[in-house]
Amino acid sequence: MPILPIDTGRYGTPEMKRIFEEETRVQKMLDVEAALAWAHAEVGNVPRKDAKTISEKASTRYVKLERVRAIESQIKHSVFSLVKALAEQCGSSSAYVHLGATSSDIIDTAMALILRDAIGLIEQKLDDLEGLLINIADKHKKTVMIGRTHGQHALPITSGFKFAVWMREVARHIQRIHLCRERLLVGKMSGAVGTQAGLGQHAAKIQELVMKTLGLSPADISNQIVQRDRYAELVCLLALVASSLENFATEIRELQRPEIGELFEAFEAGKQVGSSTMSHKRNPELCERVCGLSRIVRSLVAPAFENMVTWHERDLTQSSAERFILPEACILTDYLLFLMNGILTNLRVDEQRMLRNMEVTEGRNMSEAVMIALTRKRMNRQEASELLRELTIESEKRNCHLNDVLANDCKIRKLLTESEIANTLDPQNYLGTTIDQVELMVKRTLRERVARGVR
């Protein structure tokens, strides 16, 4: 009976979970065994007919997971159980199965094949997320809203600017994962302790042929295992992605609060239940799920770093931990991207509420604009800053609009006319380069997508 929520079907996409199923892992290991047999045949170590037999039988159609498990229950060795199960299917050709290899040659090379497929799905969803953010940023590049620092009203921005910032964060993750591929997607065929002694005089050629057949690069050098800094880098990158998604989700959650009400994740009014007792609730449950699961992804960084440490040329401390770390990191990150893509696809932006919220502080959020306007009229910057500090406090104490306070201040009246004050307090007039920045970043991101073949 399944226990963990990935296994029960609660979390994870079907396509990513299939990549990490036990049957898939067994098939990838068999693919490596087949490639090894062919490489031996190419250099004359194994008769071609035997290599052909091994290649044909290296399939879960013949090597059943149940049989591998049955053998393992007796001999207590996962890879040699697979080797024996394959050998049973190969008749006299079984003499050449796993020739010159060690278990980690098969495990680590098969893991590279698995991670290649997993990263491919993650990259697709990152591309989709970037595309969504391009569209939202461009659509709302002129939609004015209040910017906030420390949770307090600061200066006006546009909602498109907020999404453009997210867009470029996602773009950086895409770049990081692309660069990580070269270091991560490597295999090895170096035998016990990495000397390739068991592979004979053509060892280097055998490794080259195996990796060429599988579409991988050979590790530049390895001992009995592929060094785990590669996996640690991947998990760190996935933790970065998850953290960005939590940041996005947290912002949506905050802006969905009734007292703010600017962004909303979708709610299926016809059937969705927000609370078992409070019928009015419209909880940001998907965003909260993103936040919760991202913490699990980040928690996998520590054991990934621990797995870089090994005794001498090999021990088995990595094995058990990696059975959790790598599937969970990939499955959960892929699922988080799936969730965020759905959230943004159905995101509701309340432009009118954004405008109304601009007035919560009764013009005081435009204090910097007034200060800058005064400096342009030759008032000392420090003097202008202190004056606006006093006037904004007065506005708040009197519970009146900053415009009224400014209009009644003699220093202000000497330098600014009523129309100049009104123009200065208009958020539309104090966006700086906001719209230009959004447009520039959208164009840059679109160019990057074209360069990597994404439309």
Protein backbone atom coordinates (compact mmCIF):
# COMPACT_ATOMS: atom_id res chain seq x y z
CA MET A 1 0.00 0.00 0.00
CA PRO A 2 1.44 3.43 -0.95
CA ILE A 3 2.27 5.75 1.95
CA LEU A 4 4.05 8.87 0.73
CA PRO A 5 1.84 11.46 -1.04
CA ILE A 6 3.83 11.21 -4.26
CA ASP A 7 3.01 7.50 -4.38
CA THR A 8 -0.63 7.97 -3.45
CA GLY A 9 -1.03 10.32 -6.42
CA ARG A 10 -1.57 13.48 -4.41
CA TYR A 11 1.50 15.28 -5.74
CA GLY A 12 3.43 14.97 -8.99
CA THR A 13 2.63 14.89 -12.68
CA PRO A 14 2.12 11.49 -14.33
CA GLU A 15 4.81 12.11 -16.95
CA MET A 16 7.49 12.95 -14.37
CA LYS A 17 6.55 10.11 -12.05
CA ARG A 18 6.85 7.63 -14.92
CA ILE A 19 10.47 8.69 -15.37
CA PHE A 20 11.28 7.60 -11.83
CA GLU A 21 9.22 4.40 -11.72
CA GLU A 22 11.17 1.27 -10.85
CA GLU A 23 10.41 -0.28 -14.24
CA THR A 24 11.91 2.77 -15.96
CA ARG A 25 15.05 2.58 -13.83
CA VAL A 26 15.47 -1.10 -14.65
CA GLN A 27 15.07 -0.40 -18.36
CA LYS A 28 17.64 2.39 -18.27
CA MET A 29 20.11 0.06 -16.56
CA LEU A 30 19.42 -2.57 -19.21
CA ASP A 31 20.04 0.07 -21.88
CA VAL A 32 23.48 0.62 -20.38
CA GLU A 33 24.19 -3.11 -20.32
CA ALA A 34 23.18 -3.36 -23.98
CA ALA A 35 25.40 -0.43 -24.93
CA LEU A 36 28.31 -2.03 -23.06
CA ALA A 37 27.88 -5.32 -24.94
CA TRP A 38 27.81 -3.50 -28.30
CA ALA A 39 30.92 -1.51 -27.40
CA HIS A 40 32.79 -4.71 -26.54
CA ALA A 41 31.74 -6.13 -29.90
CA GLU A 42 32.97 -3.03 -31.72
CA VAL A 43 36.48 -3.43 -30.31
CA GLY A 44 36.49 -7.21 -30.83
CA ASN A 45 36.12 -8.32 -27.21
CA VAL A 46 32.71 -9.98 -27.73
CA PRO A 47 31.26 -11.82 -30.74
CA ARG A 48 28.68 -9.65 -32.49
CA LYS A 49 26.02 -12.34 -32.34
CA ASP A 50 26.34 -12.45 -28.56
CA ALA A 51 26.20 -8.67 -28.31
CA LYS A 52 23.08 -8.74 -30.46
CA THR A 53 21.46 -11.33 -28.18
CA ILE A 54 22.27 -9.30 -25.07
CA SER A 55 20.91 -6.14 -26.69
CA GLU A 56 17.68 -7.86 -27.73
CA LYS A 57 17.10 -9.34 -24.29
CA ALA A 58 18.00 -6.16 -22.42
CA SER A 59 14.38 -5.16 -22.11
CA THR A 60 11.74 -5.34 -19.40
CA ARG A 61 9.75 -7.47 -21.84
CA TYR A 62 12.19 -10.24 -20.91
CA VAL A 63 13.86 -9.07 -17.70
CA LYS A 64 10.93 -8.70 -15.36
CA LEU A 65 11.07 -6.48 -12.30
CA GLU A 66 9.54 -9.25 -10.23
CA ARG A 67 12.38 -11.59 -11.17
CA VAL A 68 15.01 -8.98 -10.33
CA ARG A 69 13.40 -8.46 -6.93
CA ALA A 70 13.23 -12.17 -6.28
CA ILE A 71 16.93 -12.59 -6.98
CA GLU A 72 17.79 -9.56 -4.86
CA SER A 73 15.89 -10.99 -1.93
CA GLN A 74 18.35 -13.89 -2.00
CA ILE A 75 21.69 -12.32 -2.92
CA LYS A 76 21.15 -8.83 -1.39
CA HIS A 77 22.69 -6.95 -4.32
CA SER A 78 20.48 -4.76 -6.53
CA VAL A 79 22.67 -4.49 -9.63
CA PHE A 80 23.94 -8.04 -9.71
CA SER A 81 20.32 -9.14 -9.36
CA LEU A 82 19.59 -7.35 -12.61
CA VAL A 83 22.74 -8.82 -14.20
CA LYS A 84 21.68 -12.35 -13.25
CA ALA A 85 18.12 -11.79 -14.47
CA LEU A 86 19.47 -10.54 -17.82
CA ALA A 87 21.93 -13.41 -18.04
CA GLU A 88 19.08 -15.89 -17.55
CA GLN A 89 17.52 -14.57 -20.77
CA CYS A 90 20.70 -14.63 -22.85
CA GLY A 91 21.62 -18.31 -22.96
CA SER A 92 25.25 -18.90 -23.92
CA SER A 93 25.68 -15.17 -24.55
CA SER A 94 25.31 -14.62 -20.82
CA ALA A 95 29.07 -15.08 -20.50
CA TYR A 96 29.49 -11.55 -21.83
CA VAL A 97 26.87 -9.74 -19.76
CA HIS A 98 28.33 -6.94 -17.59
CA LEU A 99 31.84 -7.71 -18.84
CA GLY A 100 34.46 -5.53 -17.14
CA ALA A 101 31.91 -3.24 -15.50
CA THR A 102 31.19 -2.44 -11.89
CA SER A 103 27.75 -1.72 -10.43
CA SER A 104 28.26 2.05 -10.35
CA ASP A 105 28.99 2.09 -14.08
CA ILE A 106 25.46 0.88 -14.64
CA ILE A 107 23.77 2.85 -11.84
CA ASP A 108 25.36 6.22 -12.50
CA THR A 109 25.09 6.04 -16.28
CA ALA A 110 21.44 4.97 -16.02
CA MET A 111 20.81 7.87 -13.62
CA ALA A 112 22.18 10.28 -16.22
CA LEU A 113 19.62 8.91 -18.70
CA ILE A 114 16.84 9.34 -16.14
CA LEU A 115 17.90 12.87 -15.21
CA ARG A 116 18.13 13.85 -18.87
CA ASP A 117 14.44 13.00 -19.28
CA ALA A 118 13.53 14.67 -15.98
CA ILE A 119 15.37 17.89 -16.77
CA GLY A 120 13.73 17.95 -20.16
CA LEU A 121 10.29 18.11 -18.53
CA ILE A 122 11.40 20.75 -16.04
CA GLU A 123 12.85 22.88 -18.82
CA GLN A 124 9.61 22.62 -20.78
CA LYS A 125 7.60 23.85 -17.81
CA LEU A 126 10.09 26.65 -17.14
CA ASP A 127 9.71 27.69 -20.77
CA ASP A 128 5.93 27.67 -20.34
CA LEU A 129 6.18 29.72 -17.15
CA GLU A 130 8.45 32.24 -18.80
CA GLY A 131 6.00 32.52 -21.70
CA LEU A 132 3.10 33.16 -19.35
CA LEU A 133 5.04 35.86 -17.53
CA ILE A 134 5.98 37.52 -20.82
CA ASN A 135 2.30 37.80 -21.74
CA ILE A 136 1.18 39.02 -18.31
CA ALA A 137 4.02 41.52 -18.00
CA ASP A 138 3.26 42.96 -21.43
CA LYS A 139 -0.49 43.04 -20.86
CA HIS A 140 -0.18 44.88 -17.53
CA LYS A 141 2.89 47.01 -18.20
CA LYS A 142 0.75 50.14 -17.75
CA THR A 143 -1.51 48.84 -14.97
CA VAL A 144 -0.61 51.09 -12.04
CA MET A 145 -0.44 49.66 -8.54
CA ILE A 146 1.28 50.57 -5.32
CA GLY A 147 4.75 49.23 -4.71
CA ARG A 148 5.38 48.02 -1.18
CA THR A 149 8.44 47.77 1.01
CA HIS A 150 8.36 46.29 4.50
CA GLY A 151 4.68 45.57 3.78
CA GLN A 152 4.01 49.32 3.63
CA HIS A 153 2.99 51.52 0.72
CA ALA A 154 6.08 52.87 -1.02
CA LEU A 155 5.92 54.26 -4.58
CA PRO A 156 3.73 53.46 -7.59
CA ILE A 157 4.80 50.70 -9.95
CA THR A 158 2.86 48.70 -12.51
CA SER A 159 1.77 45.13 -12.06
CA GLY A 160 3.51 44.36 -15.34
CA PHE A 161 6.77 45.51 -13.74
CA LYS A 162 6.27 43.01 -10.90
CA PHE A 163 5.69 40.19 -13.38
CA ALA A 164 8.67 41.27 -15.50
CA VAL A 165 10.90 40.91 -12.44
CA TRP A 166 9.56 37.38 -12.00
CA MET A 167 10.02 36.70 -15.71
CA ARG A 168 13.72 37.49 -15.58
CA GLU A 169 14.16 35.37 -12.46
CA VAL A 170 12.72 32.44 -14.37
CA ALA A 171 14.96 33.26 -17.34
CA ARG A 172 18.01 32.97 -15.08
CA HIS A 173 16.86 29.56 -13.85
CA ILE A 174 16.55 28.40 -17.45
CA GLN A 175 20.10 29.57 -18.12
CA ARG A 176 21.43 27.87 -14.98
CA ILE A 177 19.85 24.51 -15.77
CA HIS A 178 21.06 24.69 -19.37
CA LEU A 179 24.62 25.24 -18.15
CA CYS A 180 24.26 22.48 -15.56
CA ARG A 181 23.38 19.91 -18.24
CA GLU A 182 26.97 19.62 -19.46
CA ARG A 183 28.28 18.80 -16.00
CA LEU A 184 25.37 16.62 -14.94
CA LEU A 185 24.55 14.42 -17.92
CA VAL A 186 27.63 12.24 -17.95
CA GLY A 187 28.12 8.51 -17.65
CA LYS A 188 31.09 6.33 -16.92
CA MET A 189 32.44 2.92 -17.81
CA SER A 190 35.54 2.75 -15.69
CA GLY A 191 35.16 -0.44 -13.66
CA ALA A 192 36.16 -1.04 -10.09
CA VAL A 193 37.83 2.00 -8.41
CA GLY A 194 37.88 3.77 -11.80
CA THR A 195 41.05 2.31 -13.33
CA GLN A 196 39.24 0.57 -16.25
CA ALA A 197 41.54 -2.43 -15.69
CA GLY A 198 38.72 -4.94 -16.17
CA LEU A 199 37.80 -3.48 -19.56
CA GLY A 200 41.15 -4.30 -21.15
CA GLN A 201 43.31 -2.44 -23.60
CA HIS A 202 40.34 -0.82 -25.37
CA ALA A 203 38.82 0.54 -22.17
CA ALA A 204 38.81 4.20 -23.18
CA LYS A 205 37.26 3.34 -26.54
CA ILE A 206 34.62 1.19 -24.86
CA GLN A 207 33.60 4.06 -22.57
CA GLU A 208 33.48 6.43 -25.55
CA LEU A 209 31.30 4.03 -27.57
CA VAL A 210 28.92 3.35 -24.67
CA MET A 211 28.31 7.04 -24.09
CA LYS A 212 27.95 7.79 -27.79
CA THR A 213 25.31 5.06 -28.07
CA LEU A 214 23.41 6.46 -25.09
CA GLY A 215 23.77 10.12 -26.12
CA LEU A 216 25.78 11.08 -23.05
CA SER A 217 29.20 12.58 -22.45
CA PRO A 218 31.78 10.49 -20.59
CA ALA A 219 32.87 11.76 -17.21
CA ASP A 220 36.28 13.37 -17.64
CA ILE A 221 37.61 11.25 -14.78
CA SER A 222 35.94 9.29 -12.01
CA ASN A 223 36.76 6.72 -9.41
CA GLN A 224 34.21 3.96 -8.84
CA ILE A 225 31.37 6.50 -8.88
CA VAL A 226 30.45 9.68 -10.70
CA GLN A 227 31.32 12.43 -8.24
CA ARG A 228 28.27 13.72 -6.42
CA ASP A 229 29.01 17.42 -6.78
CA ARG A 230 27.07 17.02 -10.04
CA TYR A 231 23.93 15.86 -8.26
CA ALA A 232 24.36 18.44 -5.51
CA GLU A 233 24.47 21.20 -8.12
CA LEU A 234 21.24 19.95 -9.68
CA VAL A 235 19.43 19.77 -6.34
CA CYS A 236 20.64 23.28 -5.49
CA LEU A 237 19.30 24.58 -8.80
CA LEU A 238 15.96 22.89 -8.24
CA ALA A 239 15.84 24.38 -4.75
CA LEU A 240 16.45 27.80 -6.32
CA VAL A 241 13.56 27.24 -8.72
CA ALA A 242 11.31 26.10 -5.88
CA SER A 243 12.26 29.14 -3.80
CA SER A 244 11.37 31.50 -6.65
CA LEU A 245 8.03 29.78 -7.04
CA GLU A 246 7.39 30.16 -3.32
CA ASN A 247 8.26 33.85 -3.62
CA PHE A 248 5.73 34.28 -6.44
CA ALA A 249 3.10 32.29 -4.58
CA THR A 250 3.66 34.25 -1.36
CA GLU A 251 3.14 37.53 -3.19
CA ILE A 252 -0.11 36.29 -4.74
CA ARG A 253 -1.27 35.07 -1.34
CA GLU A 254 -0.55 38.44 0.23
CA LEU A 255 -2.29 40.38 -2.54
CA GLN A 256 -5.32 38.07 -2.34
CA ARG A 257 -6.04 39.14 1.25
CA PRO A 258 -9.48 40.84 1.36
CA GLU A 259 -8.02 44.09 2.66
CA ILE A 260 -5.78 44.21 -0.44
CA GLY A 261 -7.64 42.21 -3.09
CA GLU A 262 -5.41 42.89 -6.10
CA LEU A 263 -4.51 39.39 -7.34
CA PHE A 264 -6.49 36.16 -7.01
CA GLU A 265 -5.84 32.55 -7.87
CA ALA A 266 -8.78 30.87 -9.56
CA PHE A 267 -11.70 29.53 -7.53
CA GLU A 268 -14.22 27.14 -9.07
CA ALA A 269 -17.38 28.70 -7.70
CA GLY A 270 -19.56 25.88 -8.97
CA LYS A 271 -17.97 23.15 -6.87
CA GLN A 272 -14.82 24.19 -4.98
CA VAL A 273 -15.01 24.37 -1.18
CA GLY A 274 -12.91 26.99 0.57
CA SER A 275 -13.63 25.90 4.14
CA SER A 276 -15.51 23.04 5.77
CA THR A 277 -17.34 25.51 8.00
CA MET A 278 -16.82 29.08 6.70
CA SER A 279 -18.63 29.08 3.39
CA HIS A 280 -17.41 32.51 2.35
CA LYS A 281 -13.73 31.52 2.26
CA ARG A 282 -11.79 31.66 -0.99
CA ASN A 283 -8.44 30.37 0.20
CA PRO A 284 -5.28 30.60 -1.98
CA GLU A 285 -4.79 26.86 -1.57
CA LEU A 286 -2.67 26.28 -4.66
CA CYS A 287 -0.27 29.06 -3.72
CA GLU A 288 -0.09 27.66 -0.21
CA ARG A 289 0.69 24.22 -1.63
CA VAL A 290 3.50 25.74 -3.67
CA CYS A 291 4.91 27.34 -0.53
CA GLY A 292 4.70 24.14 1.49
CA LEU A 293 6.24 21.81 -1.07
CA SER A 294 9.03 24.23 -1.95
CA ARG A 295 10.26 23.78 1.61
CA ILE A 296 10.60 20.05 1.01
CA VAL A 297 12.68 20.68 -2.11
CA ARG A 298 15.00 23.00 -0.19
CA SER A 299 15.35 20.43 2.57
CA LEU A 300 16.92 18.04 0.04
CA VAL A 301 19.93 20.31 -0.44
CA ALA A 302 21.58 19.27 2.82
CA PRO A 303 21.63 15.50 2.12
CA ALA A 304 22.73 16.23 -1.46
CA PHE A 305 25.78 18.01 -0.03
CA GLU A 306 26.35 15.21 2.47
CA ASN A 307 26.43 12.75 -0.42
CA MET A 308 29.51 14.45 -1.85
CA VAL A 309 31.50 12.86 0.98
CA THR A 310 32.62 9.27 0.40
CA TRP A 311 35.21 6.93 1.87
CA HIS A 312 38.13 6.53 -0.50
CA GLU A 313 37.03 5.43 -3.99
CA ARG A 314 33.54 4.22 -3.03
CA ASP A 315 31.12 3.54 -0.24
CA LEU A 316 27.36 3.03 -0.21
CA THR A 317 26.22 5.99 1.86
CA GLN A 318 24.97 7.88 -1.21
CA SER A 319 22.77 5.09 -2.51
CA SER A 320 19.99 5.04 0.04
CA ALA A 321 19.77 8.83 0.30
CA GLU A 322 19.67 9.30 -3.47
CA ARG A 323 16.69 7.00 -3.79
CA PHE A 324 14.81 9.80 -2.01
CA ILE A 325 16.68 12.95 -3.00
CA LEU A 326 16.76 12.79 -6.79
CA PRO A 327 13.22 11.54 -7.47
CA GLU A 328 11.68 13.88 -4.87
CA ALA A 329 13.62 16.93 -6.06
CA CYS A 330 12.67 16.39 -9.69
CA ILE A 331 9.08 15.25 -9.12
CA LEU A 332 8.25 18.06 -6.70
CA THR A 333 9.94 20.81 -8.71
CA ASP A 334 8.13 19.68 -11.84
CA TYR A 335 4.86 19.62 -9.90
CA LEU A 336 5.48 23.08 -8.44
CA LEU A 337 6.00 24.41 -11.96
CA PHE A 338 2.81 22.68 -13.07
CA LEU A 339 0.94 24.36 -10.22
CA MET A 340 2.38 27.81 -10.86
CA ASN A 341 1.66 27.59 -14.57
CA GLY A 342 -1.95 26.82 -13.71
CA ILE A 343 -2.13 29.63 -11.17
CA LEU A 344 -0.82 32.23 -13.61
CA THR A 345 -2.92 30.95 -16.49
CA ASN A 346 -6.05 31.57 -14.43
CA LEU A 347 -4.82 34.53 -12.39
CA ARG A 348 -7.34 37.34 -11.87
CA VAL A 349 -5.96 40.87 -11.75
CA ASP A 350 -8.26 43.50 -10.21
CA GLU A 351 -7.04 46.70 -11.85
CA GLN A 352 -9.70 48.89 -10.23
CA ARG A 353 -8.82 47.65 -6.76
CA MET A 354 -5.18 48.46 -7.47
CA LEU A 355 -6.17 52.04 -8.25
CA ARG A 356 -8.33 52.32 -5.15
CA ASN A 357 -5.52 50.96 -2.98
CA MET A 358 -3.28 53.73 -4.27
CA GLU A 359 -5.45 56.15 -2.30
CA VAL A 360 -5.28 54.31 1.02
CA THR A 361 -2.45 56.56 2.18
CA GLU A 362 -4.20 59.69 0.84
CA GLY A 363 -1.38 60.83 -1.39
CA ARG A 364 1.38 60.32 1.16
CA ASN A 365 2.85 57.57 -1.04
CA MET A 366 3.81 60.36 -3.45
CA SER A 367 6.00 62.19 -0.94
CA GLU A 368 9.21 61.43 -2.84
CA ALA A 369 7.69 62.85 -6.03
CA VAL A 370 6.91 66.10 -4.20
CA MET A 371 10.38 66.21 -2.69
CA ILE A 372 11.99 65.78 -6.13
CA ALA A 373 9.71 68.48 -7.56
CA LEU A 374 10.89 70.87 -4.84
CA THR A 375 14.55 70.15 -5.54
CA ARG A 376 13.93 71.03 -9.17
CA LYS A 377 12.74 74.38 -7.90
CA ARG A 378 16.11 74.82 -6.17
CA MET A 379 15.11 73.74 -2.65
CA ASN A 380 17.87 71.93 -0.78
CA ARG A 381 17.30 68.18 -0.90
CA GLN A 382 17.64 67.68 2.86
CA GLU A 383 15.35 70.61 3.55
CA ALA A 384 12.76 69.22 1.13
CA SER A 385 13.01 65.77 2.72
CA GLU A 386 12.46 67.13 6.24
CA LEU A 387 9.57 69.30 5.06
CA LEU A 388 7.81 66.35 3.44
CA ARG A 389 8.38 64.26 6.53
CA GLU A 390 6.58 66.87 8.61
CA LEU A 391 3.79 67.37 6.10
CA THR A 392 3.09 63.65 5.66
CA ILE A 393 2.88 63.25 9.43
CA GLU A 394 0.45 66.16 9.54
CA SER A 395 -1.62 64.59 6.76
CA GLU A 396 -1.82 61.33 8.65
CA LYS A 397 -2.67 63.00 11.97
CA ARG A 398 -5.42 65.10 10.41
CA ASN A 399 -6.63 62.15 8.34
CA CYS A 400 -6.68 64.30 5.23
CA HIS A 401 -5.21 64.07 1.76
CA LEU A 402 -1.64 65.21 1.33
CA ASN A 403 -2.83 67.59 -1.40
CA ASP A 404 -4.75 69.62 1.21
CA VAL A 405 -1.73 69.90 3.47
CA LEU A 406 0.55 70.88 0.61
CA ALA A 407 -1.89 73.54 -0.62
CA ASN A 408 -1.89 75.21 2.81
CA ASP A 409 1.87 75.21 3.36
CA CYS A 410 3.57 78.54 2.59
CA LYS A 411 6.89 76.98 1.56
CA ILE A 412 5.15 74.68 -0.90
CA ARG A 413 2.95 77.46 -2.31
CA LYS A 414 5.99 79.62 -3.03
CA LEU A 415 7.46 76.94 -5.31
CA LEU A 416 4.60 74.84 -6.68
CA THR A 417 1.31 75.87 -8.25
CA GLU A 418 -1.93 73.99 -7.64
CA SER A 419 -1.67 72.29 -11.03
CA GLU A 420 1.96 71.34 -10.38
CA ILE A 421 0.99 69.82 -7.04
CA ALA A 422 -1.82 67.87 -8.68
CA ASN A 423 0.46 66.59 -11.44
CA THR A 424 3.10 65.64 -8.90
CA LEU A 425 0.60 63.64 -6.85
CA ASP A 426 -0.63 61.71 -9.90
CA PRO A 427 0.92 58.19 -9.74
CA GLN A 428 0.86 57.96 -13.53
CA ASN A 429 3.42 60.77 -13.63
CA TYR A 430 5.89 59.09 -11.31
CA LEU A 431 6.56 55.72 -12.89
CA GLY A 432 10.05 56.64 -14.07
CA THR A 433 11.31 54.08 -16.59
CA THR A 434 8.95 51.36 -15.36
CA ILE A 435 7.15 50.79 -18.66
CA ASP A 436 10.37 51.07 -20.66
CA GLN A 437 12.03 48.49 -18.42
CA VAL A 438 9.15 46.05 -18.89
CA GLU A 439 9.23 46.45 -22.66
CA LEU A 440 13.01 46.05 -22.75
CA MET A 441 12.95 42.89 -20.64
CA VAL A 442 10.12 41.38 -22.67
CA LYS A 443 12.09 41.95 -25.87
CA ARG A 444 15.25 40.50 -24.33
CA THR A 445 13.42 37.42 -23.10
CA LEU A 446 11.77 36.87 -26.45
CA ARG A 447 15.20 37.05 -28.14
CA GLU A 448 16.55 34.47 -25.72
CA ARG A 449 13.63 32.18 -26.45
CA VAL A 450 14.23 32.42 -30.19
CA ALA A 451 17.93 31.67 -29.64
CA ARG A 452 17.13 28.45 -27.83
CA GLY A 453 14.41 27.45 -30.28
CA VAL A 454 11.34 28.26 -28.19
CA ARG A 455 8.39 30.07 -29.71
